[in-house]
Amino acid sequence: MCPSACDTAFSRQFSRTGAPLLMRQFGEDLVYWANGATAGRGIKAIVERDVDVIAETGEVTAHATVVRVQNHNRCGISSVEIDTGGDAVDVSLRIGEPATRRQIVQVLSTANSIVRFMVQ
């Protein structure tokens, strides 16, 4: 179920049906590491690789990896539990390569029961 941030009928319905189906269809297995945790938590996530990071000047300054998970503390990551700079995920930067631990550096959005964050 969705946290109280789901304030529209669309958000509530998407939380119940859309988000879980997206993760099941397109998600990859990742491990979430809360800051200071001794054990990780397995989650499903949609990973966007080599996303352009654009500076205020409009120039592409870097490439990043963006991860989307359900905004839920059991089947994803709750937006209120993310500690940017302290939490990490084990994610593969290229499809088919082994996963490496990457820090969560910025939460980009929390709309419609999906948390979208950037890792480095």
N, C-alpha and C. Protein backbone atom coordinates (compact mmCIF):
# COMPACT_ATOMS: atom_id res chain seq x y z
N MET A 1 0.82 -1.19 0.00
CA MET A 1 0.00 0.00 0.00
C MET A 1 0.86 1.25 0.00
N CYS A 2 0.25 2.31 -0.39
CA CYS A 2 0.95 3.58 -0.55
C CYS A 2 0.93 4.39 0.73
N PRO A 3 2.02 5.15 1.00
CA PRO A 3 1.99 6.03 2.15
C PRO A 3 0.97 7.15 1.95
N SER A 4 0.78 7.97 2.95
CA SER A 4 -0.25 9.00 2.91
C SER A 4 -0.02 10.03 1.81
N ALA A 5 1.13 10.02 1.16
CA ALA A 5 1.41 10.97 0.09
C ALA A 5 0.52 10.74 -1.12
N CYS A 6 -0.16 9.61 -1.20
CA CYS A 6 -1.06 9.32 -2.31
C CYS A 6 -2.39 10.02 -2.05
N ASP A 7 -2.53 11.20 -2.62
CA ASP A 7 -3.69 12.01 -2.30
C ASP A 7 -4.69 12.11 -3.44
N THR A 8 -4.47 11.44 -4.55
CA THR A 8 -5.43 11.45 -5.64
C THR A 8 -5.88 10.02 -5.92
N ALA A 9 -7.00 9.90 -6.61
CA ALA A 9 -7.49 8.57 -6.97
C ALA A 9 -6.49 7.86 -7.87
N PHE A 10 -5.87 8.60 -8.79
CA PHE A 10 -4.86 7.99 -9.66
C PHE A 10 -3.69 7.45 -8.83
N SER A 11 -3.19 8.25 -7.90
CA SER A 11 -2.06 7.82 -7.08
C SER A 11 -2.38 6.57 -6.28
N ARG A 12 -3.57 6.53 -5.71
CA ARG A 12 -3.96 5.36 -4.91
C ARG A 12 -4.07 4.11 -5.80
N GLN A 13 -4.70 4.25 -6.95
CA GLN A 13 -4.86 3.12 -7.85
C GLN A 13 -3.51 2.66 -8.41
N PHE A 14 -2.66 3.61 -8.80
CA PHE A 14 -1.35 3.27 -9.33
C PHE A 14 -0.50 2.57 -8.28
N SER A 15 -0.63 3.01 -7.04
CA SER A 15 0.11 2.38 -5.94
C SER A 15 -0.29 0.92 -5.76
N ARG A 16 -1.59 0.64 -5.89
CA ARG A 16 -2.08 -0.73 -5.70
C ARG A 16 -1.78 -1.64 -6.88
N THR A 17 -1.83 -1.10 -8.09
CA THR A 17 -1.72 -1.98 -9.25
C THR A 17 -0.56 -1.65 -10.18
N GLY A 18 -0.41 -0.40 -10.57
CA GLY A 18 0.58 -0.01 -11.57
C GLY A 18 2.02 -0.18 -11.13
N ALA A 19 2.35 0.35 -9.96
CA ALA A 19 3.74 0.28 -9.48
C ALA A 19 4.21 -1.17 -9.30
N PRO A 20 3.42 -2.03 -8.63
CA PRO A 20 3.88 -3.42 -8.50
C PRO A 20 4.05 -4.13 -9.86
N LEU A 21 3.15 -3.85 -10.80
CA LEU A 21 3.25 -4.48 -12.12
C LEU A 21 4.48 -3.98 -12.88
N LEU A 22 4.77 -2.69 -12.80
CA LEU A 22 5.97 -2.16 -13.45
C LEU A 22 7.23 -2.82 -12.90
N MET A 23 7.30 -2.95 -11.58
CA MET A 23 8.48 -3.56 -10.98
C MET A 23 8.60 -5.04 -11.35
N ARG A 24 7.48 -5.72 -11.39
CA ARG A 24 7.50 -7.14 -11.75
C ARG A 24 7.91 -7.31 -13.22
N GLN A 25 7.43 -6.43 -14.11
CA GLN A 25 7.70 -6.54 -15.54
C GLN A 25 9.11 -6.06 -15.91
N PHE A 26 9.53 -4.92 -15.37
CA PHE A 26 10.77 -4.29 -15.82
C PHE A 26 11.84 -4.19 -14.75
N GLY A 27 11.53 -4.61 -13.53
CA GLY A 27 12.46 -4.43 -12.42
C GLY A 27 13.63 -5.40 -12.43
N GLU A 28 14.70 -4.95 -11.81
CA GLU A 28 15.89 -5.76 -11.60
C GLU A 28 16.04 -5.96 -10.09
N ASP A 29 16.73 -7.04 -9.72
CA ASP A 29 16.99 -7.28 -8.31
C ASP A 29 18.16 -6.43 -7.86
N LEU A 30 17.94 -5.63 -6.82
CA LEU A 30 18.97 -4.80 -6.21
C LEU A 30 18.99 -5.08 -4.72
N VAL A 31 20.04 -4.63 -4.07
CA VAL A 31 20.11 -4.72 -2.61
C VAL A 31 20.24 -3.30 -2.07
N TYR A 32 19.35 -2.93 -1.15
CA TYR A 32 19.36 -1.62 -0.51
C TYR A 32 20.08 -1.71 0.82
N TRP A 33 21.02 -0.81 1.05
CA TRP A 33 21.79 -0.75 2.29
C TRP A 33 21.50 0.56 2.99
N ALA A 34 20.74 0.49 4.08
CA ALA A 34 20.50 1.69 4.89
C ALA A 34 21.81 2.08 5.57
N ASN A 35 21.98 3.35 5.85
CA ASN A 35 23.19 3.85 6.49
C ASN A 35 23.45 3.11 7.81
N GLY A 36 24.59 2.46 7.91
CA GLY A 36 24.96 1.75 9.13
C GLY A 36 24.40 0.35 9.25
N ALA A 37 23.65 -0.11 8.27
CA ALA A 37 23.04 -1.45 8.34
C ALA A 37 24.10 -2.54 8.16
N THR A 38 23.91 -3.64 8.87
CA THR A 38 24.82 -4.78 8.73
C THR A 38 24.32 -5.78 7.71
N ALA A 39 23.07 -5.63 7.28
CA ALA A 39 22.50 -6.50 6.25
C ALA A 39 21.69 -5.66 5.27
N GLY A 40 21.75 -6.04 4.01
CA GLY A 40 20.98 -5.34 2.99
C GLY A 40 19.58 -5.93 2.86
N ARG A 41 18.72 -5.21 2.13
CA ARG A 41 17.35 -5.64 1.89
C ARG A 41 17.14 -5.75 0.39
N GLY A 42 16.70 -6.91 -0.06
CA GLY A 42 16.45 -7.12 -1.48
C GLY A 42 15.23 -6.35 -1.95
N ILE A 43 15.35 -5.66 -3.09
CA ILE A 43 14.25 -4.89 -3.66
C ILE A 43 14.24 -5.08 -5.17
N LYS A 44 13.14 -4.72 -5.80
CA LYS A 44 13.03 -4.65 -7.25
C LYS A 44 13.10 -3.18 -7.64
N ALA A 45 13.82 -2.88 -8.71
CA ALA A 45 13.96 -1.50 -9.15
C ALA A 45 14.10 -1.43 -10.66
N ILE A 46 13.68 -0.31 -11.21
CA ILE A 46 13.91 -0.02 -12.62
C ILE A 46 15.12 0.90 -12.68
N VAL A 47 16.13 0.50 -13.44
CA VAL A 47 17.39 1.24 -13.48
C VAL A 47 17.54 1.92 -14.84
N GLU A 48 17.80 3.23 -14.80
CA GLU A 48 18.10 4.01 -16.01
C GLU A 48 19.60 4.28 -15.98
N ARG A 49 20.30 3.76 -16.96
CA ARG A 49 21.76 3.90 -16.99
C ARG A 49 22.18 5.02 -17.95
N ASP A 50 23.31 5.66 -17.63
CA ASP A 50 23.90 6.72 -18.45
C ASP A 50 22.92 7.86 -18.75
N VAL A 51 22.25 8.33 -17.73
CA VAL A 51 21.36 9.48 -17.86
C VAL A 51 22.21 10.74 -17.85
N ASP A 52 21.96 11.66 -18.78
CA ASP A 52 22.72 12.91 -18.82
C ASP A 52 22.34 13.79 -17.65
N VAL A 53 23.35 14.34 -16.96
CA VAL A 53 23.14 15.31 -15.89
C VAL A 53 23.47 16.67 -16.48
N ILE A 54 22.48 17.55 -16.48
CA ILE A 54 22.63 18.84 -17.13
C ILE A 54 22.81 19.94 -16.08
N ALA A 55 23.85 20.74 -16.25
CA ALA A 55 24.13 21.86 -15.35
C ALA A 55 23.16 23.01 -15.65
N GLU A 56 23.16 24.02 -14.79
CA GLU A 56 22.29 25.17 -15.00
C GLU A 56 22.60 25.90 -16.29
N THR A 57 23.82 25.76 -16.79
CA THR A 57 24.21 26.40 -18.05
C THR A 57 23.64 25.67 -19.26
N GLY A 58 23.09 24.48 -19.04
CA GLY A 58 22.53 23.69 -20.14
C GLY A 58 23.50 22.68 -20.71
N GLU A 59 24.71 22.64 -20.18
CA GLU A 59 25.70 21.69 -20.67
C GLU A 59 25.59 20.36 -19.93
N VAL A 60 25.85 19.27 -20.65
CA VAL A 60 25.90 17.95 -20.02
C VAL A 60 27.21 17.87 -19.25
N THR A 61 27.12 17.69 -17.94
CA THR A 61 28.32 17.69 -17.10
C THR A 61 28.75 16.30 -16.69
N ALA A 62 27.83 15.35 -16.72
CA ALA A 62 28.17 13.99 -16.28
C ALA A 62 27.08 13.03 -16.71
N HIS A 63 27.36 11.76 -16.49
CA HIS A 63 26.35 10.73 -16.70
C HIS A 63 26.08 10.08 -15.35
N ALA A 64 24.83 9.76 -15.11
CA ALA A 64 24.45 9.21 -13.81
C ALA A 64 23.59 7.97 -14.02
N THR A 65 23.39 7.27 -12.93
CA THR A 65 22.46 6.14 -12.91
C THR A 65 21.28 6.55 -12.04
N VAL A 66 20.08 6.41 -12.58
CA VAL A 66 18.86 6.77 -11.86
C VAL A 66 18.08 5.49 -11.59
N VAL A 67 17.60 5.36 -10.36
CA VAL A 67 16.90 4.16 -9.92
C VAL A 67 15.48 4.54 -9.49
N ARG A 68 14.51 3.73 -9.90
CA ARG A 68 13.11 3.91 -9.49
C ARG A 68 12.68 2.70 -8.69
N VAL A 69 12.11 2.94 -7.51
CA VAL A 69 11.60 1.87 -6.66
C VAL A 69 10.24 2.27 -6.13
N GLN A 70 9.51 1.28 -5.62
CA GLN A 70 8.24 1.58 -4.97
C GLN A 70 8.50 2.35 -3.68
N ASN A 71 7.67 3.34 -3.42
CA ASN A 71 7.77 4.14 -2.21
C ASN A 71 7.09 3.38 -1.08
N HIS A 72 7.79 2.35 -0.61
CA HIS A 72 7.21 1.46 0.40
C HIS A 72 8.36 0.80 1.17
N ASN A 73 8.24 0.70 2.48
CA ASN A 73 9.35 0.20 3.28
C ASN A 73 9.52 -1.32 3.26
N ARG A 74 8.60 -2.08 2.65
CA ARG A 74 8.79 -3.52 2.54
C ARG A 74 9.14 -3.95 1.13
N CYS A 75 8.41 -3.45 0.13
CA CYS A 75 8.66 -3.91 -1.24
C CYS A 75 9.49 -2.93 -2.05
N GLY A 76 9.97 -1.86 -1.43
CA GLY A 76 10.82 -0.88 -2.09
C GLY A 76 11.62 -0.15 -1.04
N ILE A 77 11.67 1.17 -1.18
CA ILE A 77 12.32 2.03 -0.19
C ILE A 77 11.36 3.18 0.10
N SER A 78 11.03 3.38 1.34
CA SER A 78 10.19 4.51 1.70
C SER A 78 10.99 5.80 1.56
N SER A 79 10.37 6.81 0.99
CA SER A 79 11.08 8.08 0.78
C SER A 79 11.54 8.70 2.09
N VAL A 80 10.84 8.43 3.18
CA VAL A 80 11.23 9.03 4.47
C VAL A 80 12.42 8.31 5.11
N GLU A 81 12.76 7.12 4.64
CA GLU A 81 13.89 6.40 5.23
C GLU A 81 15.20 6.62 4.48
N ILE A 82 15.18 7.28 3.32
CA ILE A 82 16.40 7.47 2.54
C ILE A 82 17.28 8.53 3.19
N ASP A 83 18.55 8.17 3.37
CA ASP A 83 19.57 9.07 3.89
C ASP A 83 20.55 9.32 2.74
N THR A 84 20.37 10.42 2.01
CA THR A 84 21.25 10.69 0.87
C THR A 84 22.67 10.89 1.37
N GLY A 85 23.58 10.23 0.71
CA GLY A 85 24.98 10.27 1.12
C GLY A 85 25.35 9.15 2.08
N GLY A 86 24.37 8.56 2.76
CA GLY A 86 24.64 7.49 3.71
C GLY A 86 24.14 6.14 3.23
N ASP A 87 22.98 6.14 2.57
CA ASP A 87 22.41 4.89 2.06
C ASP A 87 23.03 4.54 0.71
N ALA A 88 22.92 3.26 0.36
CA ALA A 88 23.51 2.79 -0.90
C ALA A 88 22.67 1.65 -1.46
N VAL A 89 22.89 1.36 -2.73
CA VAL A 89 22.29 0.20 -3.38
C VAL A 89 23.37 -0.54 -4.14
N ASP A 90 23.24 -1.86 -4.21
CA ASP A 90 24.10 -2.67 -5.06
C ASP A 90 23.41 -2.73 -6.42
N VAL A 91 24.02 -2.12 -7.43
CA VAL A 91 23.42 -2.02 -8.75
C VAL A 91 24.50 -2.20 -9.82
N SER A 92 24.13 -2.83 -10.90
CA SER A 92 25.04 -3.02 -12.03
C SER A 92 24.98 -1.77 -12.91
N LEU A 93 26.13 -1.19 -13.22
CA LEU A 93 26.16 0.00 -14.06
C LEU A 93 25.96 -0.33 -15.54
N ARG A 94 26.18 -1.59 -15.90
CA ARG A 94 25.92 -2.06 -17.26
C ARG A 94 25.20 -3.39 -17.16
N ILE A 95 24.28 -3.62 -18.05
CA ILE A 95 23.52 -4.86 -18.05
C ILE A 95 24.47 -6.03 -18.23
N GLY A 96 24.32 -7.04 -17.37
CA GLY A 96 25.14 -8.23 -17.45
C GLY A 96 26.42 -8.19 -16.63
N GLU A 97 26.77 -7.03 -16.10
CA GLU A 97 27.96 -6.93 -15.26
C GLU A 97 27.58 -7.11 -13.79
N PRO A 98 28.55 -7.46 -12.95
CA PRO A 98 28.25 -7.62 -11.53
C PRO A 98 27.85 -6.29 -10.89
N ALA A 99 27.02 -6.39 -9.88
CA ALA A 99 26.57 -5.19 -9.17
C ALA A 99 27.68 -4.68 -8.25
N THR A 100 27.74 -3.35 -8.12
CA THR A 100 28.66 -2.71 -7.19
C THR A 100 27.86 -1.78 -6.30
N ARG A 101 28.39 -1.50 -5.14
CA ARG A 101 27.69 -0.63 -4.18
C ARG A 101 27.85 0.83 -4.59
N ARG A 102 26.72 1.53 -4.71
CA ARG A 102 26.69 2.93 -5.12
C ARG A 102 25.89 3.74 -4.11
N GLN A 103 26.41 4.90 -3.76
CA GLN A 103 25.75 5.79 -2.80
C GLN A 103 24.53 6.45 -3.45
N ILE A 104 23.47 6.60 -2.66
CA ILE A 104 22.32 7.39 -3.09
C ILE A 104 22.68 8.85 -2.82
N VAL A 105 22.77 9.66 -3.89
CA VAL A 105 23.25 11.03 -3.72
C VAL A 105 22.13 12.07 -3.77
N GLN A 106 21.01 11.73 -4.41
CA GLN A 106 19.93 12.72 -4.50
C GLN A 106 18.61 12.03 -4.80
N VAL A 107 17.57 12.42 -4.06
CA VAL A 107 16.21 11.98 -4.37
C VAL A 107 15.67 12.96 -5.40
N LEU A 108 15.25 12.43 -6.55
CA LEU A 108 14.78 13.28 -7.65
C LEU A 108 13.29 13.52 -7.61
N SER A 109 12.51 12.50 -7.23
CA SER A 109 11.06 12.67 -7.14
C SER A 109 10.44 11.56 -6.31
N THR A 110 9.23 11.82 -5.83
CA THR A 110 8.49 10.83 -5.04
C THR A 110 7.04 10.76 -5.49
N ALA A 111 6.78 10.98 -6.75
CA ALA A 111 5.41 11.04 -7.26
C ALA A 111 4.80 9.67 -7.47
N ASN A 112 3.50 9.56 -7.19
CA ASN A 112 2.69 8.40 -7.52
C ASN A 112 3.27 7.08 -7.05
N SER A 113 3.71 7.04 -5.83
CA SER A 113 4.20 5.85 -5.14
C SER A 113 5.51 5.28 -5.71
N ILE A 114 6.22 6.09 -6.49
CA ILE A 114 7.52 5.70 -7.01
C ILE A 114 8.56 6.71 -6.51
N VAL A 115 9.65 6.21 -5.91
CA VAL A 115 10.76 7.06 -5.53
C VAL A 115 11.81 6.95 -6.62
N ARG A 116 12.26 8.09 -7.08
CA ARG A 116 13.28 8.14 -8.13
C ARG A 116 14.50 8.84 -7.55
N PHE A 117 15.66 8.14 -7.58
CA PHE A 117 16.86 8.73 -7.00
C PHE A 117 18.08 8.46 -7.87
N MET A 118 19.10 9.30 -7.68
CA MET A 118 20.34 9.17 -8.43
C MET A 118 21.41 8.55 -7.55
N VAL A 119 22.21 7.67 -8.15
CA VAL A 119 23.32 7.05 -7.43
C VAL A 119 24.62 7.36 -8.17
N GLN A 120 25.73 7.34 -7.39
CA GLN A 120 27.07 7.51 -7.97
C GLN A 120 28.02 6.55 -7.32
